[in-house]
N, C-alpha and C. Protein backbone atom coordinates (compact mmCIF):
# COMPACT_ATOMS: atom_id res chain seq x y z
N UNK A 1 14.11 -11.87 35.88
CA UNK A 1 13.90 -9.75 35.70
C UNK A 1 13.18 -9.44 36.56
N UNK A 2 13.36 -8.19 37.17
CA UNK A 2 12.31 -7.50 37.50
C UNK A 2 11.91 -6.81 36.82
N UNK A 3 10.51 -7.13 36.83
CA UNK A 3 9.14 -6.16 36.35
C UNK A 3 8.00 -5.41 36.66
N UNK A 4 7.77 -4.26 36.21
CA UNK A 4 7.10 -3.29 37.47
C UNK A 4 6.37 -2.70 35.73
N UNK A 5 4.45 -2.63 35.92
CA UNK A 5 3.82 -2.16 35.47
C UNK A 5 3.36 -0.51 35.79
N UNK A 6 3.43 -0.07 34.87
CA UNK A 6 3.41 1.56 34.87
C UNK A 6 1.57 2.38 33.88
N UNK A 7 0.90 2.78 34.52
CA UNK A 7 0.33 3.15 34.07
C UNK A 7 -0.81 4.24 33.76
N UNK A 8 -1.05 5.30 32.81
CA UNK A 8 -1.53 6.70 32.84
C UNK A 8 -2.58 6.67 31.91
N UNK A 9 -3.28 8.35 31.74
CA UNK A 9 -4.26 8.29 30.31
C UNK A 9 -3.51 9.37 29.68
N UNK A 10 -3.74 9.23 28.29
CA UNK A 10 -3.30 10.19 27.06
C UNK A 10 -4.97 10.74 26.38
N UNK A 11 -4.24 11.46 26.05
CA UNK A 11 -5.43 11.64 24.60
C UNK A 11 -5.18 12.07 23.55
N UNK A 12 -6.26 10.91 23.09
CA UNK A 12 -6.03 11.43 21.00
C UNK A 12 -7.05 11.85 20.29
N UNK A 13 -7.21 12.76 19.41
CA UNK A 13 -8.32 13.14 18.69
C UNK A 13 -9.90 13.46 19.92
N UNK A 14 -9.31 13.59 21.08
CA UNK A 14 -10.49 14.28 21.67
C UNK A 14 -11.37 13.04 22.47
N UNK A 15 -10.12 11.63 22.11
CA UNK A 15 -10.54 10.07 23.08
C UNK A 15 -9.96 10.26 23.85
N UNK A 16 -10.09 9.88 25.07
CA UNK A 16 -9.03 9.31 26.21
C UNK A 16 -8.30 7.61 25.88
N UNK A 17 -7.77 7.17 26.43
CA UNK A 17 -6.65 6.00 26.32
C UNK A 17 -5.85 6.11 27.40
N UNK A 18 -5.96 4.61 27.79
CA UNK A 18 -4.78 4.06 28.58
C UNK A 18 -3.52 3.80 27.89
N UNK A 19 -2.06 4.22 29.05
CA UNK A 19 -1.33 3.69 28.20
C UNK A 19 -0.68 2.38 29.88
N UNK A 20 -0.32 1.68 28.92
CA UNK A 20 0.28 0.67 29.99
C UNK A 20 2.01 0.82 29.23
N UNK A 21 3.14 0.44 30.51
CA UNK A 21 3.82 0.54 30.09
C UNK A 21 4.91 -1.13 31.15
N UNK A 22 5.27 -2.21 30.10
CA UNK A 22 6.15 -2.61 30.59
C UNK A 22 7.50 -2.66 31.23
N UNK A 23 7.69 -2.53 32.42
CA UNK A 23 8.80 -1.88 32.39
C UNK A 23 9.56 -3.24 33.31
N UNK A 24 10.91 -3.36 32.44
CA UNK A 24 11.67 -5.29 32.73
C UNK A 24 13.39 -4.06 31.87
N UNK A 25 14.16 -5.41 33.46
CA UNK A 25 15.44 -5.27 32.75
C UNK A 25 15.38 -5.65 31.49
N UNK A 26 16.60 -5.07 30.47
CA UNK A 26 16.63 -5.30 29.30
C UNK A 26 18.01 -5.15 29.26
N UNK A 27 18.67 -6.44 29.04
CA UNK A 27 20.00 -5.98 28.60
C UNK A 27 20.09 -5.45 27.18
N UNK A 28 19.42 -5.33 26.12
CA UNK A 28 19.63 -5.00 24.59
C UNK A 28 19.47 -3.47 24.81
N UNK A 29 18.54 -3.39 25.97
CA UNK A 29 19.24 -1.51 25.92
C UNK A 29 17.43 -0.76 25.21
N UNK A 30 16.91 -1.65 25.13
CA UNK A 30 15.53 -1.10 24.33
C UNK A 30 14.46 -0.93 24.96
N UNK A 31 13.68 0.97 24.66
CA UNK A 31 13.16 0.39 25.27
C UNK A 31 11.45 -0.34 25.86
N UNK A 32 10.76 -0.35 27.14
CA UNK A 32 10.26 -1.23 27.39
C UNK A 32 8.76 -1.37 26.63
N UNK A 33 8.00 -2.75 26.53
CA UNK A 33 7.13 -2.47 25.63
C UNK A 33 6.14 -1.83 26.26
N UNK A 34 4.87 -0.80 25.30
CA UNK A 34 4.26 0.00 25.62
C UNK A 34 2.88 -0.37 25.06
N UNK A 35 1.71 -0.44 25.87
CA UNK A 35 0.42 -0.52 24.92
C UNK A 35 -0.55 0.64 25.13
N UNK A 36 -0.89 0.83 24.15
CA UNK A 36 -2.68 2.13 24.00
C UNK A 36 -3.41 1.37 24.39
N UNK A 37 -3.92 1.05 25.60
CA UNK A 37 -5.06 0.48 25.47
C UNK A 37 -6.83 1.69 25.58
N UNK A 38 -7.27 1.00 24.24
CA UNK A 38 -8.64 1.67 23.87
C UNK A 38 -10.08 1.36 24.78
N UNK A 39 -10.88 1.90 25.78
CA UNK A 39 -12.07 1.85 25.86
C UNK A 39 -11.29 0.42 26.65
N UNK A 40 -12.59 -0.48 26.92
CA UNK A 40 -12.41 -1.87 28.05
C UNK A 40 -12.09 -2.86 27.51
N UNK A 41 -11.11 -3.14 26.80
CA UNK A 41 -11.33 -4.57 25.70
C UNK A 41 -11.46 -6.04 26.76
N UNK A 42 -11.79 -6.95 26.17
CA UNK A 42 -12.00 -8.57 26.72
C UNK A 42 -11.91 -8.81 25.76
N UNK A 43 -11.71 -10.40 26.20
CA UNK A 43 -11.28 -11.25 25.04
C UNK A 43 -12.12 -11.13 24.39
N UNK A 44 -10.98 -11.58 22.33
CA UNK A 44 -11.35 -11.37 21.35
C UNK A 44 -11.70 -9.81 20.63
N UNK A 45 -10.75 -8.82 21.25
CA UNK A 45 -10.78 -7.70 21.04
C UNK A 45 -9.30 -7.38 19.82
N UNK A 46 -9.44 -6.51 19.18
CA UNK A 46 -8.60 -6.16 18.35
C UNK A 46 -7.49 -6.20 18.75
N UNK A 47 -6.49 -5.93 18.67
CA UNK A 47 -4.66 -6.30 18.73
C UNK A 47 -3.81 -6.06 18.01
N UNK A 48 -2.91 -4.64 17.58
CA UNK A 48 -1.91 -4.78 17.14
C UNK A 48 -0.93 -4.56 17.76
N UNK A 49 0.39 -5.44 17.47
CA UNK A 49 1.85 -5.85 17.65
C UNK A 49 2.61 -5.20 16.78
N UNK A 50 2.71 -4.08 16.85
CA UNK A 50 3.55 -3.13 15.95
C UNK A 50 5.17 -2.75 16.29
N UNK A 51 6.26 -3.18 15.47
CA UNK A 51 7.60 -2.74 15.81
C UNK A 51 8.07 -1.36 15.38
N UNK A 52 9.04 -0.75 16.03
CA UNK A 52 9.02 1.01 15.83
C UNK A 52 9.86 0.76 14.82
N UNK A 53 9.17 1.82 13.67
CA UNK A 53 10.09 2.30 12.59
C UNK A 53 10.45 3.31 12.35
N UNK A 54 11.42 4.12 12.88
CA UNK A 54 11.96 5.46 12.57
C UNK A 54 11.69 5.91 11.11
N UNK A 55 11.81 5.36 10.08
CA UNK A 55 11.54 5.86 8.41
C UNK A 55 9.69 5.73 7.98
N UNK A 56 9.43 4.75 8.26
CA UNK A 56 7.96 4.83 8.34
C UNK A 56 7.03 5.91 9.34
N UNK A 57 7.27 6.41 10.14
CA UNK A 57 6.43 7.12 11.31
C UNK A 57 6.78 7.86 11.62
N UNK A 58 8.12 8.19 11.64
CA UNK A 58 8.31 10.09 11.77
C UNK A 58 9.27 10.17 10.47
N UNK A 59 9.88 9.83 9.44
CA UNK A 59 10.13 10.41 8.25
C UNK A 59 9.33 10.27 7.20
N UNK A 60 8.34 9.85 7.32
CA UNK A 60 7.39 9.52 7.06
C UNK A 60 7.41 8.50 5.68
N UNK A 61 8.34 8.09 5.29
CA UNK A 61 8.84 6.83 4.31
C UNK A 61 7.86 6.15 3.61
N UNK A 62 7.52 6.31 2.12
CA UNK A 62 7.21 5.03 1.23
C UNK A 62 7.98 4.39 0.94
N UNK A 63 8.87 4.19 1.31
CA UNK A 63 9.02 2.40 1.19
C UNK A 63 8.64 1.02 2.12
N UNK A 64 7.96 1.75 3.01
CA UNK A 64 7.64 0.49 4.34
C UNK A 64 6.35 0.41 4.23
N UNK A 65 5.05 -0.43 4.39
CA UNK A 65 4.35 -0.30 5.32
C UNK A 65 4.15 -0.26 6.37
N UNK A 66 4.85 0.36 7.00
CA UNK A 66 4.43 0.48 8.43
C UNK A 66 3.84 2.14 8.97
N UNK A 67 3.87 2.29 8.74
CA UNK A 67 3.28 3.75 8.84
C UNK A 67 1.49 3.51 8.85
N UNK A 68 1.32 2.97 7.34
CA UNK A 68 0.08 2.25 7.61
C UNK A 68 -0.81 1.89 7.86
N UNK A 69 0.16 1.12 8.15
CA UNK A 69 -0.11 -0.62 9.30
C UNK A 69 -1.17 0.56 10.38
N UNK A 70 -0.01 1.10 11.40
CA UNK A 70 -0.12 1.67 12.44
C UNK A 70 -1.67 2.67 12.15
N UNK A 71 -1.41 2.85 11.48
CA UNK A 71 -2.67 4.02 11.40
C UNK A 71 -3.70 2.95 10.66
N UNK A 72 -4.25 2.56 10.09
CA UNK A 72 -4.83 1.57 10.07
C UNK A 72 -5.98 0.43 11.74
N UNK A 73 -4.39 0.17 11.63
CA UNK A 73 -4.78 -0.36 13.28
C UNK A 73 -5.81 0.35 13.81
N UNK A 74 -4.97 1.88 14.32
CA UNK A 74 -5.82 2.58 15.14
C UNK A 74 -6.79 3.11 14.58
N UNK A 75 -7.14 2.94 13.65
CA UNK A 75 -8.63 3.79 12.52
C UNK A 75 -9.84 2.44 13.37
N UNK A 76 -9.26 1.29 12.44
CA UNK A 76 -9.93 0.00 13.23
C UNK A 76 -10.95 -0.37 14.45
N UNK A 77 -9.52 0.16 15.40
CA UNK A 77 -9.93 0.34 17.37
C UNK A 77 -10.89 0.90 17.18
N UNK A 78 -10.59 2.60 16.90
CA UNK A 78 -11.53 3.55 16.86
C UNK A 78 -12.28 2.69 16.69
N UNK A 79 -13.06 2.41 15.63
CA UNK A 79 -14.66 1.89 14.94
C UNK A 79 -15.07 0.88 15.92
N UNK A 80 -13.96 0.32 16.60
CA UNK A 80 -14.62 -0.55 17.16
C UNK A 80 -14.75 -0.30 18.59
N UNK A 81 -14.46 0.97 19.35
CA UNK A 81 -14.60 1.05 20.73
C UNK A 81 -13.47 0.77 21.57
N UNK A 82 -13.10 -0.35 21.34
CA UNK A 82 -11.80 -1.10 22.11
C UNK A 82 -10.69 -1.77 21.26
N UNK A 83 -9.61 -1.88 21.86
CA UNK A 83 -8.73 -2.63 21.71
C UNK A 83 -7.46 -2.41 22.01
N UNK A 84 -6.27 -3.24 21.31
CA UNK A 84 -4.97 -2.57 22.30
C UNK A 84 -3.50 -2.56 21.66
N UNK A 85 -2.89 -1.98 20.73
CA UNK A 85 -1.88 -0.79 19.93
C UNK A 85 -0.97 -1.69 21.58
N UNK A 86 -0.26 -2.79 21.30
CA UNK A 86 1.25 -2.28 21.72
C UNK A 86 2.51 -2.29 20.49
N UNK A 87 2.90 -1.31 21.42
CA UNK A 87 4.31 -0.65 20.85
C UNK A 87 6.10 -1.20 21.19
N UNK A 88 6.21 -2.17 20.61
CA UNK A 88 7.97 -2.88 20.63
C UNK A 88 8.94 -1.41 20.11
N UNK A 89 9.97 -1.64 20.99
CA UNK A 89 11.90 -0.86 20.05
C UNK A 89 12.08 -1.87 19.73
N UNK A 90 11.71 -2.51 18.49
CA UNK A 90 12.68 -3.32 17.54
C UNK A 90 12.82 -2.98 16.03
N UNK A 91 13.53 -1.43 15.88
CA UNK A 91 13.78 -1.28 14.51
C UNK A 91 14.58 -1.96 13.74
N UNK A 92 14.58 -1.88 12.68
CA UNK A 92 14.41 -3.19 11.39
C UNK A 92 14.98 -3.89 12.17
N UNK A 93 13.55 -4.84 12.37
CA UNK A 93 13.72 -6.36 12.85
C UNK A 93 14.07 -6.90 13.31
N UNK A 94 14.58 -6.04 14.32
CA UNK A 94 15.45 -6.38 15.95
C UNK A 94 16.75 -5.52 15.73
N UNK A 95 17.40 -5.23 14.65
CA UNK A 95 18.64 -5.05 14.60
C UNK A 95 19.19 -3.47 14.64
N UNK A 96 18.57 -3.14 15.29
CA UNK A 96 18.37 -1.28 15.34
C UNK A 96 18.49 -0.45 14.38
N UNK A 97 18.30 0.24 14.79
CA UNK A 97 18.73 1.44 13.35
C UNK A 97 19.74 1.85 12.55
N UNK A 98 21.02 1.03 13.08
CA UNK A 98 22.63 1.31 12.46
C UNK A 98 22.21 0.34 11.26
N UNK A 99 21.91 -0.72 12.19
CA UNK A 99 21.82 -2.30 10.95
C UNK A 99 21.22 -2.26 9.85
N UNK A 100 19.58 -0.86 10.93
CA UNK A 100 18.78 -1.26 8.98
C UNK A 100 18.98 -0.32 8.50
N UNK A 101 20.21 0.70 8.25
CA UNK A 101 20.43 2.30 7.26
C UNK A 101 21.68 0.95 6.89
N UNK A 102 22.17 0.64 7.05
CA UNK A 102 23.41 -0.60 6.26
C UNK A 102 23.16 -1.75 4.93
N UNK A 103 21.29 -2.01 5.92
CA UNK A 103 21.07 -3.07 5.39
C UNK A 103 20.96 -2.17 3.97
N UNK A 104 19.59 -0.69 4.12
CA UNK A 104 19.26 -0.08 2.98
C UNK A 104 19.99 0.23 2.06
N UNK A 105 21.82 0.49 2.76
CA UNK A 105 22.73 0.84 1.84
C UNK A 105 22.72 -0.12 1.38
N UNK A 106 23.15 -1.52 1.50
CA UNK A 106 23.21 -3.08 0.77
C UNK A 106 22.60 -3.01 -0.30
N UNK A 107 21.24 -2.56 -0.19
CA UNK A 107 20.33 -2.41 -1.32
C UNK A 107 20.28 -2.09 -1.81
N UNK A 108 20.05 -0.43 -2.24
CA UNK A 108 20.31 0.19 -2.84
C UNK A 108 21.45 0.03 -3.78
N UNK A 109 22.67 -0.10 -3.03
CA UNK A 109 24.00 -0.59 -3.85
C UNK A 109 23.77 -1.78 -4.74
N UNK A 110 23.53 -2.68 -4.39
CA UNK A 110 23.18 -3.73 -4.71
C UNK A 110 21.96 -4.50 -5.57
N UNK A 111 20.74 -4.10 -5.18
CA UNK A 111 19.66 -3.61 -5.69
C UNK A 111 19.04 -4.99 -5.69
N UNK A 112 18.97 -4.77 -4.30
CA UNK A 112 18.26 -6.50 -3.64
C UNK A 112 17.40 -6.68 -2.34
N UNK A 113 17.09 -7.10 -2.16
CA UNK A 113 15.72 -7.00 -1.11
C UNK A 113 16.20 -6.66 0.69
N UNK A 114 15.83 -6.29 1.44
CA UNK A 114 16.39 -6.21 2.55
C UNK A 114 16.93 -7.44 3.46
N UNK A 115 16.15 -8.40 2.99
CA UNK A 115 16.53 -9.55 3.23
C UNK A 115 17.59 -10.54 3.15
N UNK A 116 17.49 -10.23 1.99
CA UNK A 116 18.73 -10.31 1.10
C UNK A 116 20.30 -9.35 1.68
N UNK A 117 20.02 -8.53 1.95
CA UNK A 117 20.93 -7.41 2.08
C UNK A 117 21.39 -7.66 3.79
N UNK A 118 20.86 -8.21 4.96
CA UNK A 118 20.93 -8.56 6.05
C UNK A 118 21.43 -9.59 6.07
N UNK A 119 21.07 -10.77 5.15
CA UNK A 119 22.13 -12.22 5.55
C UNK A 119 23.64 -11.60 4.77
N UNK A 120 23.66 -10.82 3.33
CA UNK A 120 24.99 -10.33 3.28
C UNK A 120 26.00 -10.23 3.90
N UNK A 121 25.12 -9.37 4.66
CA UNK A 121 26.19 -8.24 6.20
C UNK A 121 25.98 -9.26 7.48
N UNK A 122 25.71 -10.10 7.41
CA UNK A 122 25.71 -11.42 8.31
C UNK A 122 24.88 -11.38 9.62
N UNK A 123 23.65 -10.55 9.02
CA UNK A 123 22.47 -10.28 10.66
C UNK A 123 21.28 -11.40 9.97
N UNK A 124 21.06 -11.53 10.91
CA UNK A 124 19.83 -12.88 10.99
C UNK A 124 18.28 -11.78 10.35
N UNK A 125 17.47 -12.26 9.44
CA UNK A 125 16.63 -12.06 8.46
C UNK A 125 15.70 -11.48 9.71
N UNK A 126 15.37 -11.67 10.48
CA UNK A 126 14.38 -11.02 11.63
C UNK A 126 14.86 -11.53 13.27
N UNK A 127 14.92 -10.83 14.21
CA UNK A 127 15.35 -11.20 15.51
C UNK A 127 14.75 -10.74 16.58
N UNK A 128 13.68 -10.33 16.40
CA UNK A 128 12.28 -9.16 17.23
C UNK A 128 11.58 -10.38 18.04
N UNK A 129 11.36 -10.59 19.20
CA UNK A 129 10.84 -10.94 19.94
C UNK A 129 9.25 -10.47 20.44
N UNK A 130 8.70 -11.34 20.57
CA UNK A 130 6.99 -11.47 21.26
C UNK A 130 6.75 -11.68 22.63
N UNK A 131 7.30 -11.56 23.27
CA UNK A 131 7.09 -12.40 24.71
C UNK A 131 6.42 -10.60 25.90
N UNK A 132 6.62 -9.84 25.69
CA UNK A 132 6.59 -9.07 26.30
C UNK A 132 5.39 -8.65 26.44
N UNK A 133 5.15 -8.64 24.29
CA UNK A 133 3.87 -8.35 23.83
C UNK A 133 2.75 -9.41 24.68
N UNK A 134 3.19 -11.01 24.62
CA UNK A 134 2.13 -11.22 25.50
C UNK A 134 1.98 -10.66 26.87
N UNK A 135 3.45 -10.62 27.67
CA UNK A 135 3.09 -10.64 28.51
C UNK A 135 1.72 -9.63 29.16
N UNK A 136 2.44 -8.31 28.38
CA UNK A 136 1.49 -6.78 28.59
C UNK A 136 -0.03 -7.76 28.30
N UNK A 137 -0.40 -8.77 27.76
CA UNK A 137 -2.02 -8.98 27.10
C UNK A 137 -2.17 -9.64 28.53
N UNK A 138 -1.51 -10.55 29.06
CA UNK A 138 -2.04 -11.25 30.18
C UNK A 138 -1.75 -10.12 31.66
N UNK A 139 -1.34 -9.13 31.47
CA UNK A 139 -1.77 -8.71 31.98
C UNK A 139 -2.88 -8.04 32.32
N UNK A 140 -3.52 -7.45 30.94
CA UNK A 140 -4.62 -6.74 30.86
C UNK A 140 -5.51 -7.83 31.14
N UNK A 141 -5.57 -9.21 31.63
CA UNK A 141 -6.49 -10.32 31.29
C UNK A 141 -6.72 -10.59 30.12
N UNK A 142 -5.94 -10.50 29.28
CA UNK A 142 -7.03 -11.18 27.45
C UNK A 142 -5.96 -12.54 27.44
N UNK A 143 -7.06 -13.60 27.28
CA UNK A 143 -6.75 -14.95 26.84
C UNK A 143 -7.15 -15.60 25.59
N UNK A 144 -7.83 -13.74 24.70
CA UNK A 144 -7.68 -14.43 22.86
C UNK A 144 -7.70 -13.24 22.75
N UNK A 145 -8.24 -13.11 21.67
CA UNK A 145 -7.82 -11.97 20.78
C UNK A 145 -7.42 -11.65 18.89
N UNK A 146 -7.84 -11.09 18.78
CA UNK A 146 -7.83 -11.16 16.85
C UNK A 146 -6.39 -10.00 17.14
N UNK A 147 -6.08 -10.71 16.18
CA UNK A 147 -4.27 -9.93 16.12
C UNK A 147 -4.32 -9.25 14.48
N UNK A 148 -4.55 -8.11 13.91
CA UNK A 148 -4.28 -8.00 13.52
C UNK A 148 -2.30 -8.14 12.71
N UNK A 149 -2.24 -8.77 11.98
CA UNK A 149 -0.75 -8.92 11.62
C UNK A 149 -1.21 -9.57 10.07
N UNK A 150 0.51 -9.59 9.42
CA UNK A 150 0.53 -10.38 8.48
C UNK A 150 1.77 -11.75 8.78
N UNK A 151 2.59 -11.57 10.28
CA UNK A 151 3.00 -11.88 10.22
C UNK A 151 3.16 -13.20 11.00
N UNK A 152 3.80 -14.40 10.96
CA UNK A 152 3.31 -15.40 11.29
C UNK A 152 3.42 -15.83 13.01
N UNK A 153 4.99 -15.21 12.45
CA UNK A 153 5.93 -15.07 13.75
C UNK A 153 5.45 -14.36 15.08
N UNK A 154 4.46 -14.13 15.03
CA UNK A 154 3.60 -12.79 15.88
C UNK A 154 2.43 -13.72 16.45
N UNK A 155 2.14 -14.16 15.80
CA UNK A 155 0.87 -15.89 15.87
C UNK A 155 1.62 -16.87 16.57
N UNK A 156 2.27 -17.37 16.29
CA UNK A 156 2.82 -18.44 16.96
C UNK A 156 3.36 -17.65 18.57
N UNK A 157 4.17 -16.61 18.62
CA UNK A 157 4.63 -16.30 19.67
C UNK A 157 3.76 -16.32 20.78
N UNK A 158 2.08 -15.85 20.62
CA UNK A 158 1.05 -15.43 21.58
C UNK A 158 0.49 -16.94 21.36
N UNK A 159 0.48 -18.31 20.89
CA UNK A 159 0.13 -19.24 21.44
C UNK A 159 0.84 -20.01 21.91
N UNK A 160 2.21 -19.50 22.26
CA UNK A 160 3.14 -20.28 23.04
C UNK A 160 3.43 -19.61 23.95
N UNK A 161 2.82 -18.69 24.03
CA UNK A 161 2.45 -18.26 25.58
C UNK A 161 1.09 -18.55 25.99
N UNK A 162 -0.02 -19.21 25.79
CA UNK A 162 -1.06 -19.60 25.64
C UNK A 162 -2.36 -18.43 26.09
N UNK A 163 -1.93 -18.00 24.64
CA UNK A 163 -3.07 -16.70 24.02
C UNK A 163 -3.80 -17.16 23.07
N UNK A 164 -4.93 -16.97 23.19
CA UNK A 164 -5.65 -17.58 21.37
C UNK A 164 -5.75 -16.67 20.71
N UNK A 165 -5.06 -17.15 19.05
CA UNK A 165 -5.27 -15.95 18.26
C UNK A 165 -6.24 -16.34 17.27
N UNK A 166 -6.87 -15.49 17.22
CA UNK A 166 -7.74 -15.13 15.73
C UNK A 166 -6.59 -13.95 14.38
N UNK A 167 -6.35 -14.56 13.42
CA UNK A 167 -5.41 -13.66 12.59
C UNK A 167 -6.73 -13.39 12.13
N UNK A 168 -6.25 -11.78 11.74
CA UNK A 168 -7.12 -11.03 11.27
C UNK A 168 -7.02 -10.38 9.83
N UNK A 169 -7.31 -10.86 8.85
CA UNK A 169 -7.34 -10.27 7.77
C UNK A 169 -7.33 -8.63 7.30
N UNK A 170 -6.19 -8.45 7.29
CA UNK A 170 -6.20 -6.24 6.40
C UNK A 170 -6.02 -5.40 5.37
N UNK A 171 -5.95 -5.35 5.47
CA UNK A 171 -5.78 -4.92 3.77
C UNK A 171 -5.05 -3.12 4.41
N UNK A 172 -3.45 -2.62 4.33
CA UNK A 172 -3.53 -1.19 4.49
C UNK A 172 -2.86 -0.58 2.80
N UNK A 173 -3.50 0.66 2.64
CA UNK A 173 -3.02 1.43 1.44
C UNK A 173 -1.59 1.40 1.27
N UNK A 174 -0.66 1.13 0.51
CA UNK A 174 1.01 1.29 0.51
C UNK A 174 1.10 1.78 -1.09
N UNK A 175 2.38 2.68 -1.18
CA UNK A 175 2.34 3.32 -2.14
C UNK A 175 2.52 2.18 -3.52
N UNK A 176 3.12 2.78 -4.25
CA UNK A 176 3.51 1.82 -5.01
C UNK A 176 5.66 1.82 -5.07
N UNK A 177 5.93 2.59 -5.13
CA UNK A 177 7.24 1.74 -3.97
C UNK A 177 7.78 1.21 -3.07
N UNK A 178 6.43 1.37 -2.51
CA UNK A 178 6.23 -0.27 -0.50
C UNK A 178 6.26 -1.80 -1.44
N UNK A 179 5.84 -2.15 -3.05
CA UNK A 179 5.45 -3.10 -2.90
C UNK A 179 6.66 -4.37 -3.37
N UNK A 180 7.67 -3.65 -3.67
CA UNK A 180 8.68 -4.68 -3.59
C UNK A 180 9.09 -5.24 -3.08
N UNK A 181 9.18 -4.29 -1.61
CA UNK A 181 9.10 -4.71 0.21
C UNK A 181 8.61 -5.77 0.25
N UNK A 182 6.74 -5.24 0.35
CA UNK A 182 6.16 -6.44 0.80
C UNK A 182 5.84 -7.72 -0.74
N UNK A 183 6.51 -7.26 -1.26
CA UNK A 183 6.74 -8.67 -2.12
C UNK A 183 7.85 -9.76 -1.40
N UNK A 184 9.11 -9.12 -1.41
CA UNK A 184 10.10 -9.71 -0.23
C UNK A 184 9.44 -10.68 1.12
N UNK A 185 8.56 -9.83 1.55
CA UNK A 185 7.73 -10.41 3.28
C UNK A 185 6.93 -10.87 2.48
N UNK A 186 6.16 -11.02 1.54
CA UNK A 186 6.05 -12.31 1.38
C UNK A 186 6.67 -13.68 0.89
N UNK A 187 7.35 -13.50 0.19
CA UNK A 187 8.71 -14.38 0.20
C UNK A 187 8.67 -15.13 1.51
N UNK A 188 9.10 -14.53 2.45
CA UNK A 188 9.79 -14.72 3.32
C UNK A 188 8.84 -15.10 4.50
N UNK A 189 7.78 -15.33 3.68
CA UNK A 189 6.56 -15.90 4.70
C UNK A 189 5.46 -15.51 5.41
N UNK A 190 5.79 -13.90 5.19
CA UNK A 190 4.23 -12.86 5.44
C UNK A 190 2.85 -13.61 5.21
N UNK A 191 2.31 -13.00 5.25
CA UNK A 191 1.07 -13.12 4.33
C UNK A 191 -0.36 -12.15 4.06
N UNK A 192 0.48 -11.57 3.53
CA UNK A 192 0.11 -10.06 2.70
C UNK A 192 -1.19 -9.86 1.87
N UNK A 193 -1.64 -8.95 2.00
CA UNK A 193 -2.87 -8.34 1.72
C UNK A 193 -2.75 -7.25 1.55
N UNK A 194 -2.82 -6.04 0.33
CA UNK A 194 -2.69 -4.68 0.34
C UNK A 194 -3.11 -4.08 -0.87
N UNK A 195 -3.47 -2.81 -1.04
CA UNK A 195 -4.12 -1.90 -1.93
C UNK A 195 -3.58 -1.07 -2.25
N UNK A 196 -3.29 -0.76 -3.27
CA UNK A 196 -2.82 0.85 -3.74
C UNK A 196 -2.79 1.73 -2.94
N UNK A 197 -2.16 3.06 -2.59
CA UNK A 197 -2.82 4.18 -1.91
C UNK A 197 -3.11 4.63 -3.23
N UNK A 198 -4.01 5.78 -2.78
CA UNK A 198 -5.03 6.88 -3.75
C UNK A 198 -4.17 7.48 -4.26
């Protein structure tokens, strides 16, 4: 696999930060992993590994916690003055936007959660991979991180790639309509702590 690293700077809310893109040959057609690097992150800094969610981030849907997770992670990293957000093009738990839409349609027709819907459609529960995230952290010379996640698969993926992980327990504000979605994630192993939105 051919890999290249590209870096440049961007501005957010008056502060400059570094963007690092790991450009690797990808047979799935996904965009390469991207890291937004704030300040001068050292070992044990805050890290968020975030998978793309068009519904939450672009359409601002209240049916998931994706937008709240991303915003909260950015706020926490801003407050500490350093940290990393890694953004992965893994829409629909790795199955793409088309299959995500199929899952939503099935869920609404049959009153099931999206995990159940995926299975009914012959799709895996979660096909995401986090090796590219681990590679970016290694490229940033980070051997230990405080990971903002409720997903044990992310913790294991980094540990399997020789990164020491301390999972940060965090609370994200979510709408009432997202509660069923979070409960389904909890039943499938996610370690979720939530707060109602104001």
